[in-house]
Amino acid sequence: MGACTISCAMGSKEEVDDILVRAETAGGSVSRPADDYDGSCIGYFSDPDGHLWELVFNARTEAAGPS
């Protein structure tokens, strides 16, 4: 198992889903499919080296946007 979790902010829920599919196709394994949690969409996958990746889309952050 990897020694760290890498977290990436994504631009949309669809991007979270797309990256999970691409990661699995490239040899990774989806640890937790994308799901809504407290206003965010979060999914996890492990890469072939065992590092855990967290993909997060937060609609509240997007809605705040630049002023």
PDB file of N, CA and C in Angstrom:
ATOM      1  N   MET A   1       0.851  -1.179   0.000  1.00  0.00           N
ATOM      2  CA  MET A   1       0.000   0.000   0.000  1.00  0.00           C
ATOM      3  C   MET A   1       0.890   1.234   0.000  1.00  0.00           C
ATOM      4  N   GLY A   2       0.440   2.280  -0.676  1.00  0.00           N
ATOM      5  CA  GLY A   2       1.190   3.520  -0.757  1.00  0.00           C
ATOM      6  C   GLY A   2       1.258   4.231   0.579  1.00  0.00           C
ATOM      7  N   ALA A   3       2.197   5.143   0.693  1.00  0.00           N
ATOM      8  CA  ALA A   3       2.427   5.833   1.956  1.00  0.00           C
ATOM      9  C   ALA A   3       1.737   7.185   2.039  1.00  0.00           C
ATOM     10  N   CYS A   4       1.041   7.584   0.972  1.00  0.00           N
ATOM     11  CA  CYS A   4       0.391   8.889   1.010  1.00  0.00           C
ATOM     12  C   CYS A   4      -0.887   8.863   0.187  1.00  0.00           C
ATOM     13  N   THR A   5      -1.730   9.862   0.419  1.00  0.00           N
ATOM     14  CA  THR A   5      -2.922  10.079  -0.392  1.00  0.00           C
ATOM     15  C   THR A   5      -2.730  11.373  -1.141  1.00  0.00           C
ATOM     16  N   ILE A   6      -2.961  11.335  -2.442  1.00  0.00           N
ATOM     17  CA  ILE A   6      -2.823  12.516  -3.283  1.00  0.00           C
ATOM     18  C   ILE A   6      -4.230  13.002  -3.594  1.00  0.00           C
ATOM     19  N   SER A   7      -4.519  14.262  -3.296  1.00  0.00           N
ATOM     20  CA  SER A   7      -5.845  14.817  -3.512  1.00  0.00           C
ATOM     21  C   SER A   7      -5.803  15.829  -4.650  1.00  0.00           C
ATOM     22  N   CYS A   8      -6.744  15.701  -5.576  1.00  0.00           N
ATOM     23  CA  CYS A   8      -6.798  16.596  -6.739  1.00  0.00           C
ATOM     24  C   CYS A   8      -8.172  17.239  -6.836  1.00  0.00           C
ATOM     25  N   ALA A   9      -8.208  18.548  -6.992  1.00  0.00           N
ATOM     26  CA  ALA A   9      -9.455  19.266  -7.211  1.00  0.00           C
ATOM     27  C   ALA A   9      -9.817  19.173  -8.688  1.00  0.00           C
ATOM     28  N   MET A  10     -11.040  18.737  -8.966  1.00  0.00           N
ATOM     29  CA  MET A  10     -11.502  18.557 -10.331  1.00  0.00           C
ATOM     30  C   MET A  10     -12.496  19.655 -10.692  1.00  0.00           C
ATOM     31  N   GLY A  11     -12.731  19.835 -12.001  1.00  0.00           N
ATOM     32  CA  GLY A  11     -13.597  20.914 -12.475  1.00  0.00           C
ATOM     33  C   GLY A  11     -15.071  20.592 -12.534  1.00  0.00           C
ATOM     34  N   SER A  12     -15.432  19.296 -12.449  1.00  0.00           N
ATOM     35  CA  SER A  12     -16.843  18.906 -12.520  1.00  0.00           C
ATOM     36  C   SER A  12     -17.006  17.472 -12.018  1.00  0.00           C
ATOM     37  N   LYS A  13     -18.257  17.104 -11.746  1.00  0.00           N
ATOM     38  CA  LYS A  13     -18.554  15.720 -11.363  1.00  0.00           C
ATOM     39  C   LYS A  13     -18.194  14.777 -12.509  1.00  0.00           C
ATOM     40  N   GLU A  14     -18.468  15.226 -13.735  1.00  0.00           N
ATOM     41  CA  GLU A  14     -18.167  14.406 -14.906  1.00  0.00           C
ATOM     42  C   GLU A  14     -16.673  14.140 -15.037  1.00  0.00           C
ATOM     43  N   GLU A  15     -15.866  15.125 -14.666  1.00  0.00           N
ATOM     44  CA  GLU A  15     -14.418  14.947 -14.713  1.00  0.00           C
ATOM     45  C   GLU A  15     -13.953  13.916 -13.686  1.00  0.00           C
ATOM     46  N   VAL A  16     -14.562  13.916 -12.511  1.00  0.00           N
ATOM     47  CA  VAL A  16     -14.245  12.907 -11.496  1.00  0.00           C
ATOM     48  C   VAL A  16     -14.534  11.515 -12.059  1.00  0.00           C
ATOM     49  N   ASP A  17     -15.730  11.340 -12.634  1.00  0.00           N
ATOM     50  CA  ASP A  17     -16.099  10.047 -13.217  1.00  0.00           C
ATOM     51  C   ASP A  17     -15.142   9.647 -14.342  1.00  0.00           C
ATOM     52  N   ASP A  18     -14.816  10.591 -15.211  1.00  0.00           N
ATOM     53  CA  ASP A  18     -13.938  10.314 -16.348  1.00  0.00           C
ATOM     54  C   ASP A  18     -12.543   9.864 -15.895  1.00  0.00           C
ATOM     55  N   ILE A  19     -11.990  10.553 -14.918  1.00  0.00           N
ATOM     56  CA  ILE A  19     -10.652  10.207 -14.442  1.00  0.00           C
ATOM     57  C   ILE A  19     -10.657   8.832 -13.770  1.00  0.00           C
ATOM     58  N   LEU A  20     -11.720   8.491 -13.044  1.00  0.00           N
ATOM     59  CA  LEU A  20     -11.795   7.163 -12.426  1.00  0.00           C
ATOM     60  C   LEU A  20     -11.802   6.068 -13.491  1.00  0.00           C
ATOM     61  N   VAL A  21     -12.543   6.273 -14.574  1.00  0.00           N
ATOM     62  CA  VAL A  21     -12.574   5.292 -15.668  1.00  0.00           C
ATOM     63  C   VAL A  21     -11.195   5.199 -16.320  1.00  0.00           C
ATOM     64  N   ARG A  22     -10.582   6.346 -16.580  1.00  0.00           N
ATOM     65  CA  ARG A  22      -9.263   6.356 -17.217  1.00  0.00           C
ATOM     66  C   ARG A  22      -8.206   5.708 -16.328  1.00  0.00           C
ATOM     67  N   ALA A  23      -8.287   5.943 -15.029  1.00  0.00           N
ATOM     68  CA  ALA A  23      -7.317   5.341 -14.101  1.00  0.00           C
ATOM     69  C   ALA A  23      -7.443   3.823 -14.107  1.00  0.00           C
ATOM     70  N   GLU A  24      -8.673   3.322 -14.092  1.00  0.00           N
ATOM     71  CA  GLU A  24      -8.882   1.878 -14.099  1.00  0.00           C
ATOM     72  C   GLU A  24      -8.395   1.265 -15.415  1.00  0.00           C
ATOM     73  N   THR A  25      -8.655   1.948 -16.526  1.00  0.00           N
ATOM     74  CA  THR A  25      -8.206   1.476 -17.834  1.00  0.00           C
ATOM     75  C   THR A  25      -6.684   1.413 -17.902  1.00  0.00           C
ATOM     76  N   ALA A  26      -6.021   2.317 -17.191  1.00  0.00           N
ATOM     77  CA  ALA A  26      -4.555   2.388 -17.210  1.00  0.00           C
ATOM     78  C   ALA A  26      -3.901   1.451 -16.194  1.00  0.00           C
ATOM     79  N   GLY A  27      -4.697   0.631 -15.496  1.00  0.00           N
ATOM     80  CA  GLY A  27      -4.109  -0.336 -14.578  1.00  0.00           C
ATOM     81  C   GLY A  27      -4.321  -0.052 -13.110  1.00  0.00           C
ATOM     82  N   GLY A  28      -4.990   1.052 -12.789  1.00  0.00           N
ATOM     83  CA  GLY A  28      -5.301   1.349 -11.395  1.00  0.00           C
ATOM     84  C   GLY A  28      -6.559   0.617 -10.968  1.00  0.00           C
ATOM     85  N   SER A  29      -6.950   0.790  -9.727  1.00  0.00           N
ATOM     86  CA  SER A  29      -8.186   0.186  -9.251  1.00  0.00           C
ATOM     87  C   SER A  29      -8.998   1.219  -8.481  1.00  0.00           C
ATOM     88  N   VAL A  30     -10.286   1.273  -8.797  1.00  0.00           N
ATOM     89  CA  VAL A  30     -11.173   2.217  -8.125  1.00  0.00           C
ATOM     90  C   VAL A  30     -11.450   1.687  -6.722  1.00  0.00           C
ATOM     91  N   SER A  31     -11.038   2.472  -5.724  1.00  0.00           N
ATOM     92  CA  SER A  31     -11.226   2.087  -4.330  1.00  0.00           C
ATOM     93  C   SER A  31     -12.619   2.455  -3.832  1.00  0.00           C
ATOM     94  N   ARG A  32     -13.112   3.579  -4.360  1.00  0.00           N
ATOM     95  CA  ARG A  32     -14.434   4.070  -3.972  1.00  0.00           C
ATOM     96  C   ARG A  32     -14.982   4.883  -5.138  1.00  0.00           C
ATOM     97  N   PRO A  33     -16.080   4.433  -5.744  1.00  0.00           N
ATOM     98  CA  PRO A  33     -16.649   5.176  -6.870  1.00  0.00           C
ATOM     99  C   PRO A  33     -17.072   6.582  -6.439  1.00  0.00           C
ATOM    100  N   ALA A  34     -17.187   7.465  -7.410  1.00  0.00           N
ATOM    101  CA  ALA A  34     -17.600   8.839  -7.129  1.00  0.00           C
ATOM    102  C   ALA A  34     -18.972   8.849  -6.467  1.00  0.00           C
ATOM    103  N   ASP A  35     -19.106   9.686  -5.447  1.00  0.00           N
ATOM    104  CA  ASP A  35     -20.359   9.796  -4.716  1.00  0.00           C
ATOM    105  C   ASP A  35     -20.450  11.204  -4.135  1.00  0.00           C
ATOM    106  N   ASP A  36     -21.681  11.653  -3.919  1.00  0.00           N
ATOM    107  CA  ASP A  36     -21.886  12.967  -3.313  1.00  0.00           C
ATOM    108  C   ASP A  36     -21.690  12.861  -1.807  1.00  0.00           C
ATOM    109  N   TYR A  37     -20.965  13.846  -1.272  1.00  0.00           N
ATOM    110  CA  TYR A  37     -20.717  13.887   0.167  1.00  0.00           C
ATOM    111  C   TYR A  37     -20.640  15.335   0.612  1.00  0.00           C
ATOM    112  N   ASP A  38     -21.618  15.787   1.354  1.00  0.00           N
ATOM    113  CA  ASP A  38     -21.610  17.120   1.948  1.00  0.00           C
ATOM    114  C   ASP A  38     -21.319  18.226   0.923  1.00  0.00           C
ATOM    115  N   GLY A  39     -21.991  18.178  -0.225  1.00  0.00           N
ATOM    116  CA  GLY A  39     -21.832  19.223  -1.227  1.00  0.00           C
ATOM    117  C   GLY A  39     -20.678  19.013  -2.195  1.00  0.00           C
ATOM    118  N   SER A  40     -19.968  17.908  -2.058  1.00  0.00           N
ATOM    119  CA  SER A  40     -18.848  17.604  -2.945  1.00  0.00           C
ATOM    120  C   SER A  40     -19.090  16.257  -3.619  1.00  0.00           C
ATOM    121  N   CYS A  41     -18.413  16.038  -4.728  1.00  0.00           N
ATOM    122  CA  CYS A  41     -18.377  14.732  -5.376  1.00  0.00           C
ATOM    123  C   CYS A  41     -16.959  14.214  -5.182  1.00  0.00           C
ATOM    124  N   ILE A  42     -16.828  13.037  -4.566  1.00  0.00           N
ATOM    125  CA  ILE A  42     -15.513  12.501  -4.212  1.00  0.00           C
ATOM    126  C   ILE A  42     -15.416  11.055  -4.682  1.00  0.00           C
ATOM    127  N   GLY A  43     -14.274  10.717  -5.275  1.00  0.00           N
ATOM    128  CA  GLY A  43     -13.988   9.344  -5.669  1.00  0.00           C
ATOM    129  C   GLY A  43     -12.522   9.034  -5.402  1.00  0.00           C
ATOM    130  N   TYR A  44     -12.197   7.756  -5.260  1.00  0.00           N
ATOM    131  CA  TYR A  44     -10.827   7.341  -4.941  1.00  0.00           C
ATOM    132  C   TYR A  44     -10.376   6.228  -5.874  1.00  0.00           C
ATOM    133  N   PHE A  45      -9.097   6.254  -6.226  1.00  0.00           N
ATOM    134  CA  PHE A  45      -8.503   5.122  -6.924  1.00  0.00           C
ATOM    135  C   PHE A  45      -7.073   4.942  -6.444  1.00  0.00           C
ATOM    136  N   SER A  46      -6.573   3.717  -6.601  1.00  0.00           N
ATOM    137  CA  SER A  46      -5.171   3.420  -6.315  1.00  0.00           C
ATOM    138  C   SER A  46      -4.448   3.228  -7.632  1.00  0.00           C
ATOM    139  N   ASP A  47      -3.280   3.836  -7.772  1.00  0.00           N
ATOM    140  CA  ASP A  47      -2.501   3.651  -8.993  1.00  0.00           C
ATOM    141  C   ASP A  47      -1.748   2.323  -8.911  1.00  0.00           C
ATOM    142  N   PRO A  48      -1.113   1.910 -10.015  1.00  0.00           N
ATOM    143  CA  PRO A  48      -0.416   0.610 -10.004  1.00  0.00           C
ATOM    144  C   PRO A  48       0.689   0.494  -8.943  1.00  0.00           C
ATOM    145  N   ASP A  49       1.201   1.624  -8.456  1.00  0.00           N
ATOM    146  CA  ASP A  49       2.219   1.594  -7.399  1.00  0.00           C
ATOM    147  C   ASP A  49       1.613   1.558  -6.004  1.00  0.00           C
ATOM    148  N   GLY A  50       0.273   1.593  -5.910  1.00  0.00           N
ATOM    149  CA  GLY A  50      -0.401   1.507  -4.625  1.00  0.00           C
ATOM    150  C   GLY A  50      -0.708   2.835  -3.961  1.00  0.00           C
ATOM    151  N   HIS A  51      -0.399   3.961  -4.629  1.00  0.00           N
ATOM    152  CA  HIS A  51      -0.726   5.263  -4.045  1.00  0.00           C
ATOM    153  C   HIS A  51      -2.220   5.538  -4.205  1.00  0.00           C
ATOM    154  N   LEU A  52      -2.815   6.047  -3.151  1.00  0.00           N
ATOM    155  CA  LEU A  52      -4.237   6.367  -3.153  1.00  0.00           C
ATOM    156  C   LEU A  52      -4.445   7.798  -3.642  1.00  0.00           C
ATOM    157  N   TRP A  53      -5.330   7.956  -4.616  1.00  0.00           N
ATOM    158  CA  TRP A  53      -5.681   9.262  -5.170  1.00  0.00           C
ATOM    159  C   TRP A  53      -7.116   9.588  -4.798  1.00  0.00           C
ATOM    160  N   GLU A  54      -7.332  10.829  -4.361  1.00  0.00           N
ATOM    161  CA  GLU A  54      -8.665  11.335  -4.048  1.00  0.00           C
ATOM    162  C   GLU A  54      -8.995  12.393  -5.088  1.00  0.00           C
ATOM    163  N   LEU A  55     -10.130  12.246  -5.759  1.00  0.00           N
ATOM    164  CA  LEU A  55     -10.586  13.223  -6.742  1.00  0.00           C
ATOM    165  C   LEU A  55     -11.794  13.933  -6.154  1.00  0.00           C
ATOM    166  N   VAL A  56     -11.760  15.262  -6.129  1.00  0.00           N
ATOM    167  CA  VAL A  56     -12.809  16.029  -5.460  1.00  0.00           C
ATOM    168  C   VAL A  56     -13.318  17.141  -6.369  1.00  0.00           C
ATOM    169  N   PHE A  57     -14.646  17.207  -6.511  1.00  0.00           N
ATOM    170  CA  PHE A  57     -15.284  18.369  -7.120  1.00  0.00           C
ATOM    171  C   PHE A  57     -16.187  18.971  -6.057  1.00  0.00           C
ATOM    172  N   ASN A  58     -15.987  20.242  -5.767  1.00  0.00           N
ATOM    173  CA  ASN A  58     -16.790  20.938  -4.755  1.00  0.00           C
ATOM    174  C   ASN A  58     -17.587  22.023  -5.444  1.00  0.00           C
ATOM    175  N   ALA A  59     -18.892  21.832  -5.570  1.00  0.00           N
ATOM    176  CA  ALA A  59     -19.761  22.790  -6.245  1.00  0.00           C
ATOM    177  C   ALA A  59     -19.803  24.139  -5.518  1.00  0.00           C
ATOM    178  N   ARG A  60     -19.641  24.116  -4.204  1.00  0.00           N
ATOM    179  CA  ARG A  60     -19.679  25.389  -3.454  1.00  0.00           C
ATOM    180  C   ARG A  60     -18.470  26.246  -3.792  1.00  0.00           C
ATOM    181  N   THR A  61     -17.326  25.649  -3.975  1.00  0.00           N
ATOM    182  CA  THR A  61     -16.133  26.409  -4.347  1.00  0.00           C
ATOM    183  C   THR A  61     -16.290  26.987  -5.739  1.00  0.00           C
ATOM    184  N   GLU A  62     -16.829  26.176  -6.663  1.00  0.00           N
ATOM    185  CA  GLU A  62     -17.048  26.641  -8.038  1.00  0.00           C
ATOM    186  C   GLU A  62     -18.031  27.809  -8.050  1.00  0.00           C
ATOM    187  N   ALA A  63     -19.088  27.718  -7.247  1.00  0.00           N
ATOM    188  CA  ALA A  63     -20.103  28.770  -7.223  1.00  0.00           C
ATOM    189  C   ALA A  63     -19.539  30.089  -6.696  1.00  0.00           C
ATOM    190  N   ALA A  64     -18.561  30.013  -5.789  1.00  0.00           N
ATOM    191  CA  ALA A  64     -17.963  31.236  -5.238  1.00  0.00           C
ATOM    192  C   ALA A  64     -17.181  31.967  -6.317  1.00  0.00           C
ATOM    193  N   GLY A  65     -16.424  31.220  -7.108  1.00  0.00           N
ATOM    194  CA  GLY A  65     -15.679  31.768  -8.250  1.00  0.00           C
ATOM    195  C   GLY A  65     -14.914  33.043  -7.944  1.00  0.00           C
ATOM    196  N   PRO A  66     -14.181  33.552  -8.918  1.00  0.00           N
ATOM    197  CA  PRO A  66     -13.460  34.802  -8.739  1.00  0.00           C
ATOM    198  C   PRO A  66     -14.410  35.990  -8.753  1.00  0.00           C
ATOM    199  N   SER A  67     -14.067  37.015  -8.038  1.00  0.00           N
ATOM    200  CA  SER A  67     -14.936  38.206  -7.993  1.00  0.00           C
ATOM    201  C   SER A  67     -14.537  39.235  -9.012  1.00  0.00           C
TER     202      SER A  67
END
